[in-house]
Protein backbone atom coordinates (compact mmCIF):
# COMPACT_ATOMS: atom_id res chain seq x y z
CA MET A 1 -6.26 31.48 70.62
CA VAL A 2 -3.03 33.45 70.57
CA VAL A 3 -4.48 35.94 68.10
CA VAL A 4 -7.59 36.48 70.24
CA ALA A 5 -5.47 36.87 73.39
CA VAL A 6 -3.24 39.48 71.73
CA LEU A 7 -6.22 41.37 70.31
CA ALA A 8 -7.90 41.33 73.74
CA ALA A 9 -4.83 42.82 75.39
CA CYS A 10 -4.56 45.51 72.71
CA SER A 11 -8.29 46.29 72.95
CA LEU A 12 -7.82 47.55 76.51
CA PHE A 13 -5.92 50.48 75.01
CA LEU A 14 -8.58 51.49 72.49
CA PRO A 15 -9.40 55.22 72.59
CA THR A 16 -11.99 55.97 75.27
CA THR A 17 -15.18 57.10 73.53
CA TRP A 18 -17.18 58.01 76.64
CA GLN A 19 -16.46 58.86 80.26
CA GLU A 20 -18.26 59.13 83.58
CA ALA A 21 -17.04 60.04 87.05
CA ALA A 22 -15.77 56.97 88.90
CA SER A 23 -17.86 57.85 91.96
CA THR A 24 -20.96 57.30 89.82
CA TRP A 25 -20.23 53.78 88.68
CA ILE A 26 -17.68 52.20 91.03
CA SER A 27 -20.26 50.64 93.37
CA VAL A 28 -22.40 49.19 90.58
CA ALA A 29 -19.26 47.87 88.86
CA ILE A 30 -18.39 45.83 91.96
CA LEU A 31 -21.97 44.62 92.35
CA LEU A 32 -22.33 43.59 88.70
CA THR A 33 -18.93 41.87 88.62
CA ILE A 34 -20.05 39.65 91.50
CA LEU A 35 -23.42 39.09 89.83
CA ALA A 36 -21.79 38.26 86.49
CA ALA A 37 -19.46 35.76 88.17
CA ALA A 38 -22.46 34.03 89.78
CA LEU A 39 -24.48 33.98 86.55
CA GLU A 40 -21.55 32.43 84.67
CA PHE A 41 -22.35 29.19 86.49
CA VAL A 42 -25.84 29.14 84.92
CA ALA A 43 -24.54 27.88 81.58
CA VAL A 44 -26.24 25.70 78.99
CA PRO A 45 -24.26 23.61 76.45
CA LEU A 46 -25.07 24.24 72.80
CA SER A 47 -25.82 21.52 70.27
CA ARG A 48 -22.71 22.19 68.18
CA GLY A 49 -20.29 23.00 70.99
CA GLY A 50 -19.77 25.91 73.33
CA GLU A 51 -22.29 27.12 75.85
CA VAL A 52 -24.47 30.12 76.63
CA SER A 53 -25.18 31.62 80.04
CA VAL A 54 -27.47 34.29 81.48
CA ALA A 55 -24.38 36.29 82.45
CA THR A 56 -25.24 38.30 79.33
CA ILE A 57 -27.68 40.23 81.54
CA ALA A 58 -24.88 41.43 83.82
CA HIS A 59 -22.45 41.98 80.93
CA ILE A 60 -24.78 44.34 79.07
CA ALA A 61 -25.53 46.24 82.29
CA ILE A 62 -21.79 46.64 82.94
CA LEU A 63 -21.16 47.87 79.41
CA LEU A 64 -23.88 50.52 79.76
CA LEU A 65 -22.89 51.67 83.24
CA VAL A 66 -19.10 51.32 83.36
CA PRO A 67 -16.74 53.04 80.88
CA ALA A 68 -13.78 51.39 79.16
CA PRO A 69 -11.43 49.79 79.97
CA TRP A 70 -12.99 49.04 83.35
CA ALA A 71 -16.05 47.38 81.83
CA ALA A 72 -13.87 44.88 79.95
CA ALA A 73 -11.79 44.28 83.08
CA ALA A 74 -14.90 43.60 85.18
CA ILE A 75 -16.35 41.15 82.66
CA GLY A 76 -13.01 39.43 82.17
CA LEU A 77 -12.59 39.05 85.94
CA ALA A 78 -16.05 37.48 86.28
CA VAL A 79 -15.35 34.98 83.49
CA LEU A 80 -11.92 34.19 84.92
CA PHE A 81 -13.44 33.41 88.32
CA GLU A 82 -15.90 30.88 86.86
CA GLU A 83 -13.22 29.29 84.67
CA VAL A 84 -10.79 28.85 87.55
CA VAL A 85 -13.41 27.50 89.95
CA GLY A 86 -14.60 25.13 87.21
CA ARG A 87 -11.00 23.96 86.70
CA ARG A 88 -11.08 24.50 82.98
CA PRO A 89 -7.98 23.69 80.91
CA LEU A 90 -5.54 26.59 80.72
CA LEU A 91 -5.98 27.17 76.99
CA LYS A 92 -9.76 27.31 77.40
CA VAL A 93 -9.41 29.80 80.26
CA VAL A 94 -7.14 32.03 78.18
CA PHE A 95 -9.44 31.94 75.17
CA ASN A 96 -12.70 32.49 77.05
CA VAL A 97 -11.39 35.38 79.14
CA SER A 98 -9.72 36.95 76.09
CA ALA A 99 -12.85 36.56 73.96
CA PHE A 100 -15.03 38.33 76.52
CA VAL A 101 -12.49 41.10 77.13
CA LEU A 102 -12.24 41.71 73.39
CA THR A 103 -16.04 41.62 73.02
CA ALA A 104 -16.48 44.09 75.89
CA SER A 105 -13.82 46.49 74.60
CA VAL A 106 -15.26 46.58 71.09
CA THR A 107 -18.79 47.01 72.47
CA SER A 108 -17.74 49.89 74.76
CA PHE A 109 -16.07 51.59 71.80
CA ALA A 110 -19.22 51.17 69.67
CA ILE A 111 -21.43 52.58 72.44
CA GLY A 112 -19.29 55.66 72.76
CA LEU A 113 -19.55 56.40 69.04
CA ILE A 114 -23.21 57.20 69.69
CA GLY A 115 -22.77 58.84 73.06
CA SER A 116 -22.49 58.37 76.80
CA PRO A 117 -25.22 56.07 78.20
CA TRP A 118 -25.36 58.15 81.38
CA ASP A 119 -25.85 61.41 79.46
CA ALA A 120 -28.46 59.82 77.18
CA ALA A 121 -30.37 58.47 80.17
CA ARG A 122 -30.27 61.85 81.93
CA ARG A 123 -31.69 63.59 78.87
CA THR A 124 -34.41 60.95 78.58
CA ILE A 125 -35.35 61.32 82.23
CA GLU A 126 -35.14 65.13 82.26
CA TYR A 127 -36.89 65.91 79.01
CA GLY A 128 -39.07 62.83 78.61
CA ASP A 129 -38.88 62.77 74.81
CA GLN A 130 -35.18 62.22 74.13
CA HIS A 131 -35.49 58.49 73.55
CA ILE A 132 -33.61 58.11 70.26
CA PRO A 133 -30.03 58.47 71.63
CA TRP A 134 -30.70 55.98 74.43
CA LEU A 135 -32.39 53.55 72.01
CA GLY A 136 -29.45 53.82 69.62
CA ILE A 137 -27.03 53.08 72.42
CA LEU A 138 -29.02 50.01 73.47
CA ILE A 139 -29.08 48.66 69.91
CA ALA A 140 -25.36 49.32 69.46
CA ALA A 141 -24.54 47.59 72.74
CA GLY A 142 -26.70 44.52 72.13
CA ALA A 143 -25.83 44.01 68.46
CA THR A 144 -22.08 44.55 68.87
CA TYR A 145 -21.83 42.34 71.95
CA TYR A 146 -23.85 39.55 70.34
CA VAL A 147 -22.10 39.58 66.96
CA VAL A 148 -18.52 39.80 68.28
CA ASN A 149 -19.06 37.25 71.03
CA TRP A 150 -20.75 34.70 68.77
CA LEU A 151 -18.24 35.15 65.96
CA LEU A 152 -15.33 34.47 68.30
CA THR A 153 -16.99 31.49 69.99
CA SER A 154 -18.27 29.97 66.74
CA ALA A 155 -14.91 30.46 65.02
CA ILE A 156 -13.02 28.47 67.64
CA ILE A 157 -15.68 25.72 67.57
CA ALA A 158 -15.52 25.60 63.77
CA ILE A 159 -11.72 25.33 63.81
CA ALA A 160 -11.70 22.65 66.51
CA SER A 161 -14.50 20.58 64.93
CA GLU A 162 -13.47 21.21 61.30
CA GLN A 163 -17.01 22.31 60.49
CA SER A 164 -18.22 25.34 58.56
CA LEU A 165 -18.30 28.61 60.52
CA VAL A 166 -21.58 29.55 58.85
CA TYR A 167 -23.06 26.18 59.85
CA ILE A 168 -21.99 26.58 63.49
CA LEU A 169 -23.37 30.11 63.63
CA ARG A 170 -26.67 29.17 62.04
CA THR A 171 -27.17 26.04 64.15
CA ASN A 172 -26.50 27.69 67.50
CA TRP A 173 -28.07 31.09 66.73
CA THR A 174 -31.42 29.62 65.78
CA ARG A 175 -31.74 28.05 69.23
CA THR A 176 -30.52 30.95 71.35
CA LEU A 177 -31.24 34.21 69.52
CA LEU A 178 -34.52 35.02 71.27
CA MET A 179 -33.09 34.14 74.67
CA GLU A 180 -30.05 36.32 74.00
CA ILE A 181 -32.28 39.24 73.01
CA GLY A 182 -34.25 38.73 76.21
CA ALA A 183 -31.10 38.66 78.33
CA GLU A 184 -29.72 41.78 76.65
CA THR A 185 -33.04 43.59 77.17
CA LEU A 186 -32.97 42.75 80.88
CA GLY A 187 -29.40 44.01 81.08
CA ALA A 188 -30.42 47.29 79.47
CA LEU A 189 -33.39 47.61 81.85
CA PHE A 190 -31.08 47.01 84.80
CA ALA A 191 -28.81 49.83 83.64
CA LEU A 192 -31.67 52.26 83.04
CA ILE A 193 -33.39 51.47 86.36
CA TRP A 194 -30.09 51.81 88.22
CA MET A 195 -29.66 55.29 86.82
CA VAL A 196 -33.11 56.23 88.12
CA GLU A 197 -33.38 54.30 91.40
CA PRO A 198 -30.93 51.43 92.09
CA ILE A 199 -33.12 49.61 94.62
CA TRP A 200 -35.74 48.77 91.97
CA THR A 201 -33.23 46.66 90.02
CA ALA A 202 -34.11 43.85 92.44
CA LEU A 203 -37.36 43.43 90.49
CA LEU A 204 -35.34 41.98 87.60
CA ALA A 205 -34.24 38.95 89.62
CA ALA A 206 -37.37 36.96 88.74
CA PRO A 207 -37.29 37.43 84.93
CA SER A 208 -33.54 36.75 84.97
CA ALA A 209 -34.17 33.45 86.72
CA VAL A 210 -36.92 32.63 84.21
CA ILE A 211 -34.55 33.14 81.26
CA GLY A 212 -31.92 30.97 82.91
CA ARG A 213 -34.36 28.17 83.58
CA ALA A 214 -35.88 28.47 80.10
CA LEU A 215 -32.46 28.04 78.51
CA GLN A 216 -31.79 24.98 80.61
CA HIS A 217 -35.19 23.44 79.90
CA ILE A 218 -34.91 24.04 76.13
CA ARG A 219 -31.54 22.32 75.97
CA LEU A 220 -32.70 19.54 78.30
CA LEU A 221 -35.77 18.96 76.14
CA GLU A 222 -33.63 18.76 72.99
CA THR A 223 -31.21 16.34 74.62
CA GLN A 224 -33.93 14.14 76.09
CA THR A 225 -35.88 14.06 72.82
CA GLN A 226 -32.83 13.03 70.81
CA SER A 227 -31.87 10.42 73.40
CA ALA A 228 -35.40 9.01 73.62
CA VAL A 229 -35.87 8.61 69.86
CA ARG A 230 -32.42 7.14 69.34
CA SER A 231 -32.94 4.80 72.28
CA LEU A 232 -36.08 3.50 70.59
CA ALA A 233 -34.08 2.88 67.42
CA GLN A 234 -31.39 1.08 69.43
CA ILE A 235 -34.04 -1.08 71.09
CA VAL A 236 -35.04 -2.26 67.61
CA ASP A 237 -31.43 -3.11 66.82
CA HIS A 238 -31.06 -4.95 70.10
CA ARG A 239 -34.08 -7.16 69.41
CA ASP A 240 -31.92 -9.00 66.92
CA ARG A 241 -28.31 -9.82 67.90
CA SER A 242 -27.27 -9.73 64.26
CA THR A 243 -28.32 -6.06 63.86
CA PHE A 244 -26.68 -4.83 67.07
CA HIS A 245 -25.30 -1.29 66.43
CA HIS A 246 -26.51 -1.50 62.82
CA SER A 247 -28.13 1.97 62.87
CA GLU A 248 -25.03 3.55 64.40
CA ARG A 249 -22.82 2.18 61.64
CA VAL A 250 -25.28 3.21 58.94
CA ALA A 251 -25.28 6.75 60.37
CA VAL A 252 -21.46 6.90 60.13
CA TYR A 253 -21.44 5.57 56.56
CA ALA A 254 -24.25 7.94 55.54
CA ALA A 255 -22.55 11.01 57.01
CA ASP A 256 -19.28 10.19 55.22
CA LEU A 257 -21.20 9.64 52.00
CA ALA A 258 -23.06 12.93 52.32
CA ARG A 259 -19.78 14.83 52.76
CA GLU A 260 -18.23 13.00 49.80
CA LEU A 261 -21.18 14.14 47.68
CA GLY A 262 -20.50 17.76 48.67
CA LEU A 263 -23.57 18.34 50.84
CA ASP A 264 -23.36 21.25 53.28
CA GLU A 265 -23.08 20.60 57.00
CA ASP A 266 -26.80 21.14 57.59
CA ALA A 267 -27.64 18.42 55.08
CA VAL A 268 -24.92 16.11 56.43
CA ALA A 269 -26.30 16.47 59.96
CA LEU A 270 -29.83 15.77 58.72
CA VAL A 271 -28.78 12.65 56.81
CA GLU A 272 -26.75 11.38 59.78
CA GLN A 273 -29.66 11.95 62.15
CA ALA A 274 -32.15 10.21 59.86
CA ALA A 275 -29.78 7.29 59.30
CA SER A 276 -29.40 6.80 63.05
CA VAL A 277 -33.15 6.14 63.33
CA HIS A 278 -33.88 4.77 59.85
CA ASP A 279 -35.13 1.44 61.22
CA LEU A 280 -37.19 2.96 64.03
CA GLY A 281 -40.40 1.73 62.40
CA LYS A 282 -39.35 -1.89 62.95
CA ILE A 283 -40.58 -1.39 66.49
CA GLY A 284 -44.00 -2.07 64.98
CA VAL A 285 -42.93 -5.25 63.18
CA PRO A 286 -43.75 -8.52 65.00
CA ASP A 287 -40.80 -10.63 66.20
CA ARG A 288 -42.01 -13.60 64.15
CA VAL A 289 -41.36 -11.50 61.04
CA LEU A 290 -38.38 -9.43 62.15
CA LEU A 291 -36.43 -12.39 63.57
CA LYS A 292 -37.46 -15.01 61.02
CA ALA A 293 -34.45 -17.07 59.97
CA GLY A 294 -35.66 -17.88 56.47
CA PRO A 295 -37.16 -15.98 53.53
CA LEU A 296 -40.35 -14.04 54.12
CA ASP A 297 -43.62 -14.89 52.45
CA ASP A 298 -45.73 -12.21 50.77
CA GLU A 299 -47.74 -11.43 53.89
CA GLU A 300 -44.59 -11.13 56.00
CA LYS A 301 -42.92 -8.92 53.40
CA ALA A 302 -45.91 -6.58 53.47
CA ALA A 303 -45.63 -6.37 57.27
CA MET A 304 -41.90 -5.67 57.02
CA TRP A 305 -42.30 -3.01 54.35
CA LEU A 306 -44.55 -1.02 56.66
CA HIS A 307 -41.58 -0.15 58.86
CA THR A 308 -40.63 2.86 56.73
CA GLU A 309 -44.09 4.37 57.10
CA ILE A 310 -44.27 3.58 60.81
CA GLY A 311 -40.89 5.19 61.40
CA ALA A 312 -41.81 8.34 59.46
CA LYS A 313 -45.11 8.67 61.33
CA ILE A 314 -43.31 8.48 64.66
CA LEU A 315 -40.66 11.04 63.68
CA VAL A 316 -43.07 13.72 62.44
CA HIS A 317 -44.27 14.11 66.02
CA PHE A 318 -40.79 15.27 67.12
CA GLU A 319 -39.70 18.69 65.87
CA LEU A 320 -36.01 17.79 66.12
CA PHE A 321 -36.51 14.76 63.82
CA ARG A 322 -39.33 16.02 61.62
CA ASP A 323 -37.10 17.10 58.72
CA GLY A 324 -35.61 13.63 58.51
CA ALA A 325 -38.95 11.81 58.41
CA GLY A 326 -39.02 11.93 54.60
CA ILE A 327 -35.57 10.35 54.41
CA VAL A 328 -36.70 7.51 56.65
CA LEU A 329 -39.95 7.06 54.69
CA HIS A 330 -38.19 6.61 51.35
CA HIS A 331 -34.92 4.85 52.23
CA HIS A 332 -36.17 1.62 50.62
CA GLU A 333 -37.22 3.18 47.32
CA ARG A 334 -35.32 1.92 44.28
CA TRP A 335 -33.66 3.96 41.56
CA ASP A 336 -35.70 2.02 38.96
CA GLY A 337 -39.00 2.73 40.74
CA HIS A 338 -39.63 -0.81 42.03
CA GLY A 339 -39.08 -0.01 45.69
CA TYR A 340 -41.44 0.88 48.52
CA PRO A 341 -43.51 2.47 49.98
CA GLN A 342 -44.42 4.75 47.03
CA GLY A 343 -42.47 3.36 44.10
CA LEU A 344 -40.53 6.59 43.53
CA ALA A 345 -37.81 6.47 40.90
CA GLY A 346 -34.59 8.32 40.14
CA GLU A 347 -34.19 11.81 41.50
CA ALA A 348 -37.78 11.84 42.72
CA ILE A 349 -36.36 9.91 45.69
CA PRO A 350 -34.94 12.34 48.27
CA LEU A 351 -31.15 12.44 48.07
CA GLY A 352 -30.88 11.69 51.77
CA SER A 353 -32.91 8.52 51.26
CA ARG A 354 -30.67 7.45 48.40
CA ILE A 355 -27.63 7.94 50.61
CA VAL A 356 -29.10 6.00 53.53
CA ALA A 357 -30.16 3.21 51.14
CA VAL A 358 -26.57 2.57 50.05
CA ALA A 359 -25.19 2.82 53.58
CA ASP A 360 -27.93 0.54 54.90
CA ALA A 361 -27.43 -2.08 52.20
CA PHE A 362 -23.65 -2.14 52.60
CA ASP A 363 -23.82 -2.62 56.36
CA ALA A 364 -26.50 -5.28 55.99
CA MET A 365 -24.37 -7.18 53.49
CA THR A 366 -21.17 -7.02 55.56
CA ALA A 367 -22.82 -8.10 58.83
CA ASP A 368 -23.97 -11.53 59.94
CA ARG A 369 -27.64 -12.31 59.62
CA PRO A 370 -29.61 -15.28 61.01
CA TYR A 371 -30.14 -16.57 57.45
CA ARG A 372 -26.58 -16.04 56.15
CA ALA A 373 -23.05 -15.16 57.16
CA ALA A 374 -21.57 -11.73 56.48
CA MET A 375 -20.43 -11.20 52.92
CA PRO A 376 -16.79 -10.28 52.29
CA VAL A 377 -16.40 -6.58 51.54
CA ALA A 378 -15.37 -7.33 47.95
CA VAL A 379 -18.57 -9.29 47.36
CA ALA A 380 -20.69 -6.55 48.91
CA LEU A 381 -19.03 -3.96 46.69
CA ASP A 382 -19.68 -6.11 43.66
CA HIS A 383 -23.38 -6.14 44.57
CA LEU A 384 -23.34 -2.35 44.86
CA ARG A 385 -21.69 -1.98 41.46
CA ARG A 386 -24.18 -4.30 39.78
CA GLY A 387 -27.12 -2.64 41.52
CA ALA A 388 -26.04 0.89 40.60
CA GLY A 389 -28.59 2.32 38.21
CA SER A 390 -31.28 -0.21 39.14
CA GLN A 391 -31.55 -0.55 42.90
CA TRP A 392 -29.34 2.37 43.95
CA ASP A 393 -28.41 5.81 42.68
CA PRO A 394 -25.23 5.28 40.59
CA LEU A 395 -23.74 8.59 41.77
CA VAL A 396 -24.16 7.64 45.41
CA VAL A 397 -22.70 4.17 44.80
CA GLY A 398 -19.76 5.75 42.98
CA ALA A 399 -19.12 8.12 45.88
CA PHE A 400 -19.18 5.23 48.35
CA LEU A 401 -16.74 3.22 46.25
CA ARG A 402 -14.38 6.22 46.20
CA LEU A 403 -14.54 6.47 49.96
CA LEU A 404 -13.66 2.80 50.34
CA ASP A 405 -10.86 3.02 47.76
CA ARG A 406 -9.28 5.88 49.76
CA GLY A 407 -9.71 4.04 53.03
CA ALA A 408 -11.86 6.91 54.30
CA VAL A 409 -14.49 4.53 55.68
CA GLN A 410 -13.82 2.15 58.54
CA VAL A 411 -15.75 -0.98 57.61
CA HIS A 412 -17.33 -2.95 60.43
CA GLN A 413 -15.74 -6.36 60.72
CA PRO A 414 -17.96 -9.17 62.04
CA SER A 415 -16.62 -11.63 64.57
CA PRO A 416 -14.29 -14.32 63.19
CA GLU A 417 -16.80 -17.02 64.13
CA PRO A 418 -19.52 -17.09 61.47
CA ALA A 419 -23.07 -16.68 62.67
CA PRO A 420 -25.11 -19.87 62.52
CA ILE A 421 -27.18 -20.15 59.37
CA LEU A 422 -30.65 -21.10 60.42
CA GLY A 423 -33.07 -22.69 58.01
CA LYS A 424 -32.66 -22.51 54.27
CA GLN A 425 -29.86 -20.20 53.11
CA ALA A 426 -31.06 -17.60 50.65
CA PHE A 427 -28.79 -16.08 48.02
CA GLY A 428 -28.74 -12.86 46.08
CA VAL A 429 -29.48 -9.31 47.06
CA ALA A 430 -32.94 -10.39 48.14
CA ALA A 431 -31.19 -12.05 51.09
CA ILE A 432 -29.25 -8.95 52.12
CA ASP A 433 -31.93 -7.99 54.57
CA HIS A 434 -35.49 -8.95 55.39
CA CYS A 435 -36.35 -5.42 54.29
CA VAL A 436 -35.80 -6.36 50.68
CA ASP A 437 -37.05 -4.33 47.77
CA PRO A 438 -39.76 -6.02 45.70
CA SER A 439 -37.60 -6.75 42.65
CA ALA A 440 -34.22 -7.02 44.33
CA GLU A 441 -33.79 -10.51 42.91
CA ALA A 442 -33.08 -8.97 39.52
CA ILE A 443 -29.49 -8.30 40.51
CA GLY A 444 -28.72 -11.98 40.60
CA PRO A 445 -27.23 -14.51 42.99
CA ALA A 446 -24.33 -13.79 45.30
CA ALA A 447 -21.04 -15.57 44.79
């Protein structure tokens, strides 16, 4: 933050690369500063931190109509107003204002390397065929503003969240790039129309509002979709008191495991998301099977095993969860090929599914169930060791054991009072969960 603040202050003294008489731009500078301040309040939070607003429209117009350093000052003032009114923390105010001042200064400098926007517009209007200079200025303004602004914002998010800068950039860019291009185009149109006839800039109010609302609706749709699907998964957990918060814990274990295995942040996020809804398909399993206190018969096992397919079929209908559907479908496959639903073996099983399988089994073993009390962690780990290479991927099991040895995983501790054991108590890995694998008994009885 200090570095960005210092660079922003220094950027105000960059050599001026283009000039225009103050009488030409002073009125529009005041107007756009007010407009930018108002548009700053139309902000949409991004999935990986930070936010984006339609103030880009006003910022680009300012950069094309107002020379440095006044353009940077106007943009910085608009951002400062919104930050102060919003009562942001001081450090956030300093960073955000500094980031936009630095972005504006660098963009103004880049514009001037091609030429004066006012002169380019006059030549275009006067001669009718001098479009290249103006087009070059527009591209320079949009590209420089976008790249510098997003690099600064993504860098601070990456540092604060300890995530990869490339991952933050890629995740947020893919959701906002088209909207940003649209906002920058409107800003450029505003500047060009102002140079011809200022009153017609009012026509851009409607498309500006559309972009703002579109951004809000896109983010709202993403948030509501994620909440709805995860709520369904939580409903499944809540049907059985013994599995309360099970999916949440599995998601934490799976994410830690994915990082331990060296997966990139995109893959970690995908595994975590899939793990959080891995039991979604149990919503289609009857209570008489799901909540049965004793061992399942063959017919009941077949009904239970369908939950992976049901879950995957539900998820493929949601774009935000579609990539994780395969992980959910195969999270009960076995390394030796005796799992379900397709009997995949070894590395033919998606890595994400292998990760979720270990996380799922460990949480199931260390939590109370209607048909048995929670196993001690040491016993659960012994099951994982003995099942490595048959039920579970040995590399994934090894990574999980390393995490536990380092204390990098916070293991869920069941309540001191043991859960009542209803009906006949079953032993062995087959009793870890009702969602047992067909030949799980091969691992042997529990201690």
